[in-house]
Amino acid sequence: MTRTTALLSILFAACSVGEAPIGGIGNDAAGGGDGAGGDGNNQLACVDRNLTPGTAHDHGGGNTNAGVGCITAGCHLDGTGGPAFEMAGTVYQDNAGTIAATGVTLRVFPAGSTTPITSLSDTAGNFYFTQGQLLNAYPAKTETTACPSTKKMTAQLLTNSSTGGNCNKAGCHSAAGDAGGRITDR
């Protein structure tokens, strides 16, 4: 009986049941930044990749518009082409933007908070936060996480203007890679 209890204790001690604030574990030095949320001193553990991410929505003919800046008029800016998004983008496994990173958790830490608002990348690597979901979040810190890595965006998002959360737009995480390249998490 004692041997069984000891083995079960070891087994359950290694389990992860979600996010818990811990100091420094789950960070990826390659991600840059000064810390996860709020004051930069509190950091969250990485989150396991979701093995059953949502199915990418089809814009017609099998096109998921992965890598396209979708917060524009007639698309997801004002809700005329689809639901209005406050922030959206695509996560890749590679800087070239050829392999989608599915099941990655995206965390947005509102100003002064260590509690994130989360989204999950779908089977095309696309993620989004609907209009109003990030209310009073700016300036915000963001990161992607899929254990064993957590990659922080090196700069804060300062506004939710009409294109501030359009991560794939030119000048941000587009093919040109103006803001340090594509959003990646292996």
Protein backbone atom coordinates (compact mmCIF):
# COMPACT_ATOMS: atom_id res chain seq x y z
CA MET A 1 0.00 0.00 0.00
CA THR A 2 2.81 2.44 0.85
CA ARG A 3 4.55 1.81 -2.49
CA THR A 4 1.28 2.52 -4.37
CA THR A 5 0.75 5.75 -2.44
CA ALA A 6 4.31 6.88 -3.19
CA LEU A 7 3.95 6.14 -6.91
CA LEU A 8 0.63 7.96 -7.13
CA SER A 9 2.12 10.96 -5.31
CA ILE A 10 4.94 11.18 -7.86
CA LEU A 11 2.52 10.79 -10.76
CA PHE A 12 0.16 13.54 -9.60
CA ALA A 13 2.98 15.89 -8.58
CA ALA A 14 4.05 15.99 -12.24
CA CYS A 15 0.55 16.79 -13.54
CA SER A 16 -0.42 20.21 -14.76
CA VAL A 17 -4.01 21.23 -14.11
CA GLY A 18 -3.82 24.64 -15.71
CA GLU A 19 -2.12 27.96 -15.24
CA ALA A 20 -0.62 28.94 -11.92
CA PRO A 21 1.48 32.01 -11.15
CA ILE A 22 5.05 30.90 -10.69
CA GLY A 23 8.32 32.74 -10.97
CA GLY A 24 10.13 32.31 -14.24
CA ILE A 25 9.02 28.82 -15.31
CA GLY A 26 7.70 28.50 -18.83
CA ASN A 27 9.59 31.46 -20.23
CA ASP A 28 11.37 31.32 -23.53
CA ALA A 29 14.33 33.67 -23.62
CA ALA A 30 13.98 33.95 -27.40
CA GLY A 31 10.59 35.59 -26.89
CA GLY A 32 12.02 38.82 -25.48
CA GLY A 33 9.98 41.22 -23.43
CA ASP A 34 10.15 42.10 -19.78
CA GLY A 35 7.61 39.74 -18.30
CA ALA A 36 4.15 38.43 -18.85
CA GLY A 37 1.51 40.71 -17.51
CA GLY A 38 0.86 43.72 -15.41
CA ASP A 39 3.96 44.82 -13.58
CA GLY A 40 6.28 42.34 -15.31
CA ASN A 41 7.11 40.54 -12.04
CA ASN A 42 4.36 37.91 -12.16
CA GLN A 43 4.54 35.29 -14.87
CA LEU A 44 2.28 32.42 -15.79
CA ALA A 45 3.36 28.91 -16.63
CA CYS A 46 3.17 27.76 -20.20
CA VAL A 47 -0.08 26.14 -21.31
CA ASP A 48 -0.12 22.79 -23.10
CA ARG A 49 -1.01 22.93 -26.78
CA ASN A 50 -4.70 22.26 -27.32
CA LEU A 51 -4.82 19.03 -29.32
CA THR A 52 -8.34 19.71 -30.60
CA PRO A 53 -8.30 23.35 -31.75
CA GLY A 54 -11.31 24.83 -33.47
CA THR A 55 -11.78 24.31 -37.19
CA ALA A 56 -10.67 27.25 -39.29
CA HIS A 57 -13.57 29.12 -40.84
CA ASP A 58 -13.75 28.95 -44.60
CA HIS A 59 -13.99 32.19 -46.57
CA GLY A 60 -14.94 30.19 -49.65
CA GLY A 61 -13.11 27.57 -51.66
CA GLY A 62 -11.13 26.34 -48.65
CA ASN A 63 -9.44 29.72 -48.12
CA THR A 64 -8.86 30.53 -44.42
CA ASN A 65 -7.15 33.89 -45.08
CA ALA A 66 -4.30 32.84 -42.79
CA GLY A 67 -1.69 35.58 -42.65
CA VAL A 68 -4.05 38.21 -44.06
CA GLY A 69 -4.84 41.38 -42.11
CA CYS A 70 -8.56 40.84 -41.57
CA ILE A 71 -9.53 43.86 -39.45
CA THR A 72 -10.49 45.97 -42.45
CA ALA A 73 -13.69 47.47 -43.85
CA GLY A 74 -15.94 44.79 -45.34
CA CYS A 75 -14.25 42.09 -43.30
CA HIS A 76 -13.90 42.09 -39.49
CA LEU A 77 -13.50 45.82 -38.77
CA ASP A 78 -17.11 46.86 -38.49
CA GLY A 79 -18.97 43.56 -38.58
CA THR A 80 -20.25 43.97 -42.15
CA GLY A 81 -18.26 41.07 -43.61
CA GLY A 82 -18.16 38.97 -40.45
CA PRO A 83 -18.09 39.45 -36.68
CA ALA A 84 -16.17 42.54 -35.57
CA PHE A 85 -12.73 41.67 -34.17
CA GLU A 86 -10.71 43.79 -31.77
CA MET A 87 -7.53 41.79 -32.30
CA ALA A 88 -6.74 39.03 -34.77
CA GLY A 89 -3.78 37.35 -36.43
CA THR A 90 -2.10 34.09 -37.35
CA VAL A 91 0.45 32.03 -35.41
CA TYR A 92 3.01 29.99 -37.36
CA GLN A 93 5.58 27.36 -36.48
CA ASP A 94 8.10 28.99 -38.81
CA ASN A 95 9.15 32.54 -39.66
CA ALA A 96 8.34 31.95 -43.33
CA GLY A 97 4.66 31.58 -42.48
CA THR A 98 4.26 28.21 -44.17
CA ILE A 99 3.29 25.97 -41.23
CA ALA A 100 0.32 26.92 -39.04
CA ALA A 101 0.75 26.65 -35.26
CA THR A 102 -2.52 25.12 -34.10
CA GLY A 103 -3.85 24.99 -30.56
CA VAL A 104 -1.62 27.81 -29.30
CA THR A 105 -2.98 29.94 -26.45
CA LEU A 106 -2.73 33.70 -26.91
CA ARG A 107 -2.81 35.80 -23.78
CA VAL A 108 -3.50 39.53 -23.56
CA PHE A 109 -2.70 41.16 -20.24
CA PRO A 110 -4.69 44.38 -19.78
CA ALA A 111 -2.82 47.37 -18.38
CA GLY A 112 -1.89 46.82 -14.75
CA SER A 113 -3.26 43.27 -14.62
CA THR A 114 -1.66 39.86 -14.24
CA THR A 115 -4.87 38.09 -15.30
CA PRO A 116 -4.94 37.43 -19.05
CA ILE A 117 -7.77 37.36 -21.55
CA THR A 118 -7.18 34.34 -23.79
CA SER A 119 -7.86 33.05 -27.28
CA LEU A 120 -6.81 29.86 -29.06
CA SER A 121 -5.37 29.45 -32.55
CA ASP A 122 -7.50 27.28 -34.86
CA THR A 123 -6.41 24.66 -37.40
CA ALA A 124 -5.17 27.41 -39.74
CA GLY A 125 -3.25 29.15 -36.94
CA ASN A 126 -5.77 32.02 -36.88
CA PHE A 127 -6.89 33.60 -33.61
CA TYR A 128 -9.15 36.50 -32.71
CA PHE A 129 -10.67 38.50 -29.88
CA THR A 130 -14.15 39.85 -30.64
CA GLN A 131 -15.00 43.54 -30.42
CA GLY A 132 -15.42 44.51 -26.75
CA GLN A 133 -13.61 41.44 -25.41
CA LEU A 134 -10.52 43.54 -24.61
CA LEU A 135 -12.39 46.46 -23.08
CA ASN A 136 -10.05 48.77 -21.14
CA ALA A 137 -7.09 46.53 -21.95
CA TYR A 138 -4.71 49.08 -23.42
CA PRO A 139 -1.83 49.45 -23.15
CA ALA A 140 -1.59 45.67 -23.09
CA LYS A 141 1.10 43.02 -23.09
CA THR A 142 0.67 39.91 -25.20
CA GLU A 143 2.21 36.47 -25.50
CA THR A 144 1.76 33.08 -27.11
CA THR A 145 2.17 29.86 -25.19
CA ALA A 146 2.33 26.19 -26.08
CA CYS A 147 4.52 24.22 -23.68
CA PRO A 148 7.41 24.22 -23.36
CA SER A 149 7.53 27.80 -24.67
CA THR A 150 6.02 31.16 -23.85
CA LYS A 151 6.88 33.97 -26.28
CA LYS A 152 6.22 37.53 -25.28
CA MET A 153 5.65 40.40 -27.68
CA THR A 154 8.53 42.80 -27.09
CA ALA A 155 6.39 45.95 -27.25
CA GLN A 156 3.07 46.80 -25.67
CA LEU A 157 -0.10 47.25 -27.71
CA LEU A 158 -0.91 50.88 -27.12
CA THR A 159 -4.34 51.22 -28.68
CA ASN A 160 -7.29 49.36 -30.09
CA SER A 161 -7.70 51.80 -32.96
CA SER A 162 -9.24 50.53 -36.17
CA THR A 163 -6.02 48.71 -37.05
CA GLY A 164 -4.18 48.46 -33.70
CA GLY A 165 -5.15 44.83 -33.16
CA ASN A 166 -4.76 43.83 -36.80
CA CYS A 167 -1.66 41.71 -36.18
CA ASN A 168 -1.20 40.59 -39.81
CA LYS A 169 -1.42 44.09 -41.31
CA ALA A 170 1.50 45.64 -43.18
CA GLY A 171 3.91 47.14 -40.68
CA CYS A 172 3.22 44.55 -37.99
CA HIS A 173 3.47 40.76 -38.29
CA SER A 174 2.99 40.62 -42.06
CA ALA A 175 5.04 38.73 -44.63
CA ALA A 176 7.39 41.74 -44.69
CA GLY A 177 8.06 41.08 -41.02
CA ASP A 178 8.22 44.70 -39.98
CA ALA A 179 7.53 44.00 -36.27
CA GLY A 180 10.09 41.27 -35.84
CA GLY A 181 8.51 38.84 -38.27
CA ARG A 182 5.57 36.51 -38.10
CA ILE A 183 3.98 35.49 -34.81
CA THR A 184 5.57 32.11 -34.11
CA ASP A 185 5.32 29.41 -31.51
CA ARG A 186 6.55 25.91 -32.21
